[in-house]
């Protein structure tokens, strides 16, 4: 089973050693690329909402 890096370690799991500067940079670049790709895939839904306001009904 894979774990998210933010999950606390299991009691029998060894503690994770601090990441190096290069590992941190690679992780952040990967996360940024994933976020950019997700934004591109949601493009039609990311268009602004139309400011159309319907007119009041006449009685």
PDB file of N, CA and C in Angstrom:
ATOM      1  N   UNK A   1       0.840  -1.175   0.000  1.00  0.00           N
ATOM      2  CA  UNK A   1       0.000   0.000   0.000  1.00  0.00           C
ATOM      3  C   UNK A   1       0.888   1.242   0.000  1.00  0.00           C
ATOM      4  N   UNK A   2       0.597   2.175  -0.890  1.00  0.00           N
ATOM      5  CA  UNK A   2       1.386   3.403  -0.920  1.00  0.00           C
ATOM      6  C   UNK A   2       0.764   4.426   0.010  1.00  0.00           C
ATOM      7  N   UNK A   3       1.594   5.312   0.496  1.00  0.00           N
ATOM      8  CA  UNK A   3       1.145   6.323   1.444  1.00  0.00           C
ATOM      9  C   UNK A   3       1.466   7.701   0.900  1.00  0.00           C
ATOM     10  N   UNK A   4       0.638   8.649   1.229  1.00  0.00           N
ATOM     11  CA  UNK A   4       0.886  10.042   0.899  1.00  0.00           C
ATOM     12  C   UNK A   4       2.014  10.529   1.798  1.00  0.00           C
ATOM     13  N   UNK A   5       2.844  11.422   1.306  1.00  0.00           N
ATOM     14  CA  UNK A   5       3.985  11.857   2.117  1.00  0.00           C
ATOM     15  C   UNK A   5       3.547  12.617   3.351  1.00  0.00           C
ATOM     16  N   UNK A   6       2.300  13.095   3.392  1.00  0.00           N
ATOM     17  CA  UNK A   6       1.805  13.822   4.556  1.00  0.00           C
ATOM     18  C   UNK A   6       1.182  12.893   5.597  1.00  0.00           C
ATOM     19  N   UNK A   7       0.980  11.612   5.232  1.00  0.00           N
ATOM     20  CA  UNK A   7       0.437  10.657   6.191  1.00  0.00           C
ATOM     21  C   UNK A   7       1.457  10.407   7.292  1.00  0.00           C
ATOM     22  N   UNK A   8       0.989  10.292   8.533  1.00  0.00           N
ATOM     23  CA  UNK A   8       1.942   9.965   9.599  1.00  0.00           C
ATOM     24  C   UNK A   8       2.450   8.544   9.415  1.00  0.00           C
ATOM     25  N   UNK A   9       3.681   8.277   9.809  1.00  0.00           N
ATOM     26  CA  UNK A   9       4.216   6.923   9.635  1.00  0.00           C
ATOM     27  C   UNK A   9       3.488   5.930  10.540  1.00  0.00           C
ATOM     28  N   UNK A  10       3.379   4.690  10.067  1.00  0.00           N
ATOM     29  CA  UNK A  10       2.795   3.624  10.875  1.00  0.00           C
ATOM     30  C   UNK A  10       3.755   3.324  12.030  1.00  0.00           C
ATOM     31  N   UNK A  11       3.250   2.765  13.132  1.00  0.00           N
ATOM     32  CA  UNK A  11       4.123   2.489  14.285  1.00  0.00           C
ATOM     33  C   UNK A  11       5.325   1.615  13.953  1.00  0.00           C
ATOM     34  N   UNK A  12       5.173   0.660  13.030  1.00  0.00           N
ATOM     35  CA  UNK A  12       6.288  -0.232  12.688  1.00  0.00           C
ATOM     36  C   UNK A  12       7.115   0.273  11.509  1.00  0.00           C
ATOM     37  N   UNK A  13       6.785   1.446  11.003  1.00  0.00           N
ATOM     38  CA  UNK A  13       7.477   2.014   9.849  1.00  0.00           C
ATOM     39  C   UNK A  13       8.617   2.927  10.314  1.00  0.00           C
ATOM     40  N   UNK A  14       9.807   2.787   9.703  1.00  0.00           N
ATOM     41  CA  UNK A  14      10.913   3.664  10.117  1.00  0.00           C
ATOM     42  C   UNK A  14      10.651   5.112   9.708  1.00  0.00           C
ATOM     43  N   UNK A  15      11.201   6.020  10.468  1.00  0.00           N
ATOM     44  CA  UNK A  15      11.051   7.446  10.175  1.00  0.00           C
ATOM     45  C   UNK A  15      11.747   7.783   8.868  1.00  0.00           C
ATOM     46  N   UNK A  16      11.163   8.732   8.119  1.00  0.00           N
ATOM     47  CA  UNK A  16      11.735   9.151   6.843  1.00  0.00           C
ATOM     48  C   UNK A  16      12.865  10.142   7.101  1.00  0.00           C
ATOM     49  N   UNK A  17      13.964   9.946   6.407  1.00  0.00           N
ATOM     50  CA  UNK A  17      15.108  10.847   6.519  1.00  0.00           C
ATOM     51  C   UNK A  17      14.780  12.117   5.742  1.00  0.00           C
ATOM     52  N   UNK A  18      15.236  13.253   6.240  1.00  0.00           N
ATOM     53  CA  UNK A  18      14.977  14.530   5.571  1.00  0.00           C
ATOM     54  C   UNK A  18      15.417  14.466   4.113  1.00  0.00           C
ATOM     55  N   UNK A  19      14.641  15.117   3.232  1.00  0.00           N
ATOM     56  CA  UNK A  19      14.975  15.110   1.814  1.00  0.00           C
ATOM     57  C   UNK A  19      16.085  16.132   1.524  1.00  0.00           C
ATOM     58  N   UNK A  20      16.848  15.854   0.489  1.00  0.00           N
ATOM     59  CA  UNK A  20      17.910  16.764   0.092  1.00  0.00           C
ATOM     60  C   UNK A  20      17.310  17.932  -0.688  1.00  0.00           C
ATOM     61  N   UNK A  21      18.080  18.946  -0.908  1.00  0.00           N
ATOM     62  CA  UNK A  21      17.630  20.112  -1.673  1.00  0.00           C
ATOM     63  C   UNK A  21      17.206  19.691  -3.077  1.00  0.00           C
ATOM     64  N   UNK A  22      17.970  18.806  -3.705  1.00  0.00           N
ATOM     65  CA  UNK A  22      17.656  18.331  -5.049  1.00  0.00           C
ATOM     66  C   UNK A  22      16.343  17.530  -5.063  1.00  0.00           C
ATOM     67  N   UNK A  23      16.138  16.684  -4.060  1.00  0.00           N
ATOM     68  CA  UNK A  23      14.901  15.909  -3.973  1.00  0.00           C
ATOM     69  C   UNK A  23      13.702  16.839  -3.774  1.00  0.00           C
ATOM     70  N   UNK A  24      13.853  17.856  -2.934  1.00  0.00           N
ATOM     71  CA  UNK A  24      12.780  18.816  -2.699  1.00  0.00           C
ATOM     72  C   UNK A  24      12.428  19.545  -3.982  1.00  0.00           C
ATOM     73  N   UNK A  25      13.440  19.986  -4.732  1.00  0.00           N
ATOM     74  CA  UNK A  25      13.224  20.697  -5.990  1.00  0.00           C
ATOM     75  C   UNK A  25      12.503  19.802  -7.001  1.00  0.00           C
ATOM     76  N   UNK A  26      12.929  18.535  -7.113  1.00  0.00           N
ATOM     77  CA  UNK A  26      12.282  17.594  -8.025  1.00  0.00           C
ATOM     78  C   UNK A  26      10.826  17.351  -7.629  1.00  0.00           C
ATOM     79  N   UNK A  27      10.564  17.205  -6.328  1.00  0.00           N
ATOM     80  CA  UNK A  27       9.207  16.973  -5.850  1.00  0.00           C
ATOM     81  C   UNK A  27       8.319  18.173  -6.153  1.00  0.00           C
ATOM     82  N   UNK A  28       8.827  19.382  -5.903  1.00  0.00           N
ATOM     83  CA  UNK A  28       8.045  20.586  -6.160  1.00  0.00           C
ATOM     84  C   UNK A  28       7.799  20.793  -7.659  1.00  0.00           C
ATOM     85  N   UNK A  29       8.797  20.482  -8.486  1.00  0.00           N
ATOM     86  CA  UNK A  29       8.629  20.594  -9.938  1.00  0.00           C
ATOM     87  C   UNK A  29       7.567  19.612 -10.421  1.00  0.00           C
ATOM     88  N   UNK A  30       7.631  18.393  -9.915  1.00  0.00           N
ATOM     89  CA  UNK A  30       6.647  17.376 -10.297  1.00  0.00           C
ATOM     90  C   UNK A  30       5.244  17.805  -9.880  1.00  0.00           C
ATOM     91  N   UNK A  31       5.092  18.317  -8.673  1.00  0.00           N
ATOM     92  CA  UNK A  31       3.785  18.767  -8.195  1.00  0.00           C
ATOM     93  C   UNK A  31       3.278  19.935  -9.034  1.00  0.00           C
ATOM     94  N   UNK A  32       4.166  20.845  -9.395  1.00  0.00           N
ATOM     95  CA  UNK A  32       3.776  21.990 -10.215  1.00  0.00           C
ATOM     96  C   UNK A  32       3.329  21.538 -11.605  1.00  0.00           C
ATOM     97  N   UNK A  33       4.054  20.591 -12.193  1.00  0.00           N
ATOM     98  CA  UNK A  33       3.677  20.070 -13.511  1.00  0.00           C
ATOM     99  C   UNK A  33       2.323  19.367 -13.442  1.00  0.00           C
ATOM    100  N   UNK A  34       2.079  18.603 -12.375  1.00  0.00           N
ATOM    101  CA  UNK A  34       0.785  17.941 -12.214  1.00  0.00           C
ATOM    102  C   UNK A  34      -0.338  18.958 -12.082  1.00  0.00           C
ATOM    103  N   UNK A  35      -0.098  20.030 -11.341  1.00  0.00           N
ATOM    104  CA  UNK A  35      -1.111  21.062 -11.164  1.00  0.00           C
ATOM    105  C   UNK A  35      -1.399  21.773 -12.486  1.00  0.00           C
ATOM    106  N   UNK A  36      -0.359  22.074 -13.259  1.00  0.00           N
ATOM    107  CA  UNK A  36      -0.543  22.713 -14.562  1.00  0.00           C
ATOM    108  C   UNK A  36      -1.356  21.819 -15.499  1.00  0.00           C
ATOM    109  N   UNK A  37      -1.047  20.520 -15.505  1.00  0.00           N
ATOM    110  CA  UNK A  37      -1.768  19.583 -16.364  1.00  0.00           C
ATOM    111  C   UNK A  37      -3.239  19.495 -15.945  1.00  0.00           C
ATOM    112  N   UNK A  38      -3.499  19.443 -14.653  1.00  0.00           N
ATOM    113  CA  UNK A  38      -4.875  19.365 -14.173  1.00  0.00           C
ATOM    114  C   UNK A  38      -5.646  20.622 -14.558  1.00  0.00           C
ATOM    115  N   UNK A  39      -5.010  21.778 -14.480  1.00  0.00           N
ATOM    116  CA  UNK A  39      -5.670  23.021 -14.859  1.00  0.00           C
ATOM    117  C   UNK A  39      -5.996  23.022 -16.346  1.00  0.00           C
ATOM    118  N   UNK A  40      -5.069  22.561 -17.183  1.00  0.00           N
ATOM    119  CA  UNK A  40      -5.311  22.498 -18.624  1.00  0.00           C
ATOM    120  C   UNK A  40      -6.474  21.566 -18.949  1.00  0.00           C
ATOM    121  N   UNK A  41      -6.596  20.466 -18.221  1.00  0.00           N
ATOM    122  CA  UNK A  41      -7.658  19.506 -18.484  1.00  0.00           C
ATOM    123  C   UNK A  41      -9.026  20.000 -18.020  1.00  0.00           C
ATOM    124  N   UNK A  42      -9.065  20.990 -17.156  1.00  0.00           N
ATOM    125  CA  UNK A  42     -10.339  21.533 -16.678  1.00  0.00           C
ATOM    126  C   UNK A  42     -10.650  22.861 -17.339  1.00  0.00           C
ATOM    127  N   UNK A  43      -9.979  23.175 -18.453  1.00  0.00           N
ATOM    128  CA  UNK A  43     -10.104  24.501 -19.061  1.00  0.00           C
ATOM    129  C   UNK A  43     -11.530  24.962 -19.313  1.00  0.00           C
ATOM    130  N   UNK A  44     -12.398  24.172 -19.966  1.00  0.00           N
ATOM    131  CA  UNK A  44     -13.746  24.707 -20.198  1.00  0.00           C
ATOM    132  C   UNK A  44     -14.461  25.070 -18.897  1.00  0.00           C
ATOM    133  N   UNK A  45     -14.246  24.301 -17.865  1.00  0.00           N
ATOM    134  CA  UNK A  45     -14.898  24.574 -16.591  1.00  0.00           C
ATOM    135  C   UNK A  45     -14.258  25.758 -15.869  1.00  0.00           C
ATOM    136  N   UNK A  46     -13.075  26.156 -16.286  1.00  0.00           N
ATOM    137  CA  UNK A  46     -12.406  27.252 -15.601  1.00  0.00           C
ATOM    138  C   UNK A  46     -12.733  28.605 -16.221  1.00  0.00           C
ATOM    139  N   UNK A  47     -13.588  28.617 -17.265  1.00  0.00           N
ATOM    140  CA  UNK A  47     -13.996  29.896 -17.840  1.00  0.00           C
ATOM    141  C   UNK A  47     -14.839  30.658 -16.823  1.00  0.00           C
ATOM    142  N   UNK A  48     -14.759  31.974 -16.835  1.00  0.00           N
ATOM    143  CA  UNK A  48     -15.549  32.737 -15.861  1.00  0.00           C
ATOM    144  C   UNK A  48     -17.052  32.573 -16.113  1.00  0.00           C
ATOM    145  N   UNK A  49     -17.810  32.726 -15.068  1.00  0.00           N
ATOM    146  CA  UNK A  49     -19.264  32.632 -15.159  1.00  0.00           C
ATOM    147  C   UNK A  49     -19.777  33.853 -15.901  1.00  0.00           C
ATOM    148  N   UNK A  50     -20.786  33.668 -16.717  1.00  0.00           N
ATOM    149  CA  UNK A  50     -21.378  34.770 -17.464  1.00  0.00           C
ATOM    150  C   UNK A  50     -22.021  35.756 -16.491  1.00  0.00           C
ATOM    151  N   UNK A  51     -21.806  37.047 -16.705  1.00  0.00           N
ATOM    152  CA  UNK A  51     -22.396  38.043 -15.792  1.00  0.00           C
ATOM    153  C   UNK A  51     -23.864  38.341 -16.114  1.00  0.00           C
ATOM    154  N   UNK A  52     -24.522  37.497 -16.897  1.00  0.00           N
ATOM    155  CA  UNK A  52     -25.915  37.706 -17.289  1.00  0.00           C
ATOM    156  C   UNK A  52     -26.818  37.765 -16.060  1.00  0.00           C
ATOM    157  N   UNK A  53     -27.649  38.802 -15.978  1.00  0.00           N
ATOM    158  CA  UNK A  53     -28.623  38.939 -14.906  1.00  0.00           C
ATOM    159  C   UNK A  53     -29.991  39.013 -15.569  1.00  0.00           C
ATOM    160  N   UNK A  54     -30.866  38.064 -15.294  1.00  0.00           N
ATOM    161  CA  UNK A  54     -32.174  38.074 -15.957  1.00  0.00           C
ATOM    162  C   UNK A  54     -33.009  39.290 -15.536  1.00  0.00           C
ATOM    163  N   UNK A  55     -33.815  39.772 -16.487  1.00  0.00           N
ATOM    164  CA  UNK A  55     -34.687  40.912 -16.197  1.00  0.00           C
ATOM    165  C   UNK A  55     -35.819  40.468 -15.285  1.00  0.00           C
ATOM    166  N   UNK A  56     -36.349  41.408 -14.544  1.00  0.00           N
ATOM    167  CA  UNK A  56     -37.484  41.110 -13.667  1.00  0.00           C
ATOM    168  C   UNK A  56     -38.727  40.897 -14.523  1.00  0.00           C
ATOM    169  N   UNK A  57     -39.578  39.975 -14.066  1.00  0.00           N
ATOM    170  CA  UNK A  57     -40.817  39.678 -14.789  1.00  0.00           C
ATOM    171  C   UNK A  57     -41.804  40.820 -14.600  1.00  0.00           C
ATOM    172  N   UNK A  58     -42.503  41.128 -15.679  1.00  0.00           N
ATOM    173  CA  UNK A  58     -43.571  42.123 -15.588  1.00  0.00           C
ATOM    174  C   UNK A  58     -44.847  41.417 -15.174  1.00  0.00           C
ATOM    175  N   UNK A  59     -45.599  42.024 -14.330  1.00  0.00           N
ATOM    176  CA  UNK A  59     -46.877  41.421 -13.913  1.00  0.00           C
ATOM    177  C   UNK A  59     -48.015  41.818 -14.778  1.00  0.00           C
TER     178      UNK A  59
END
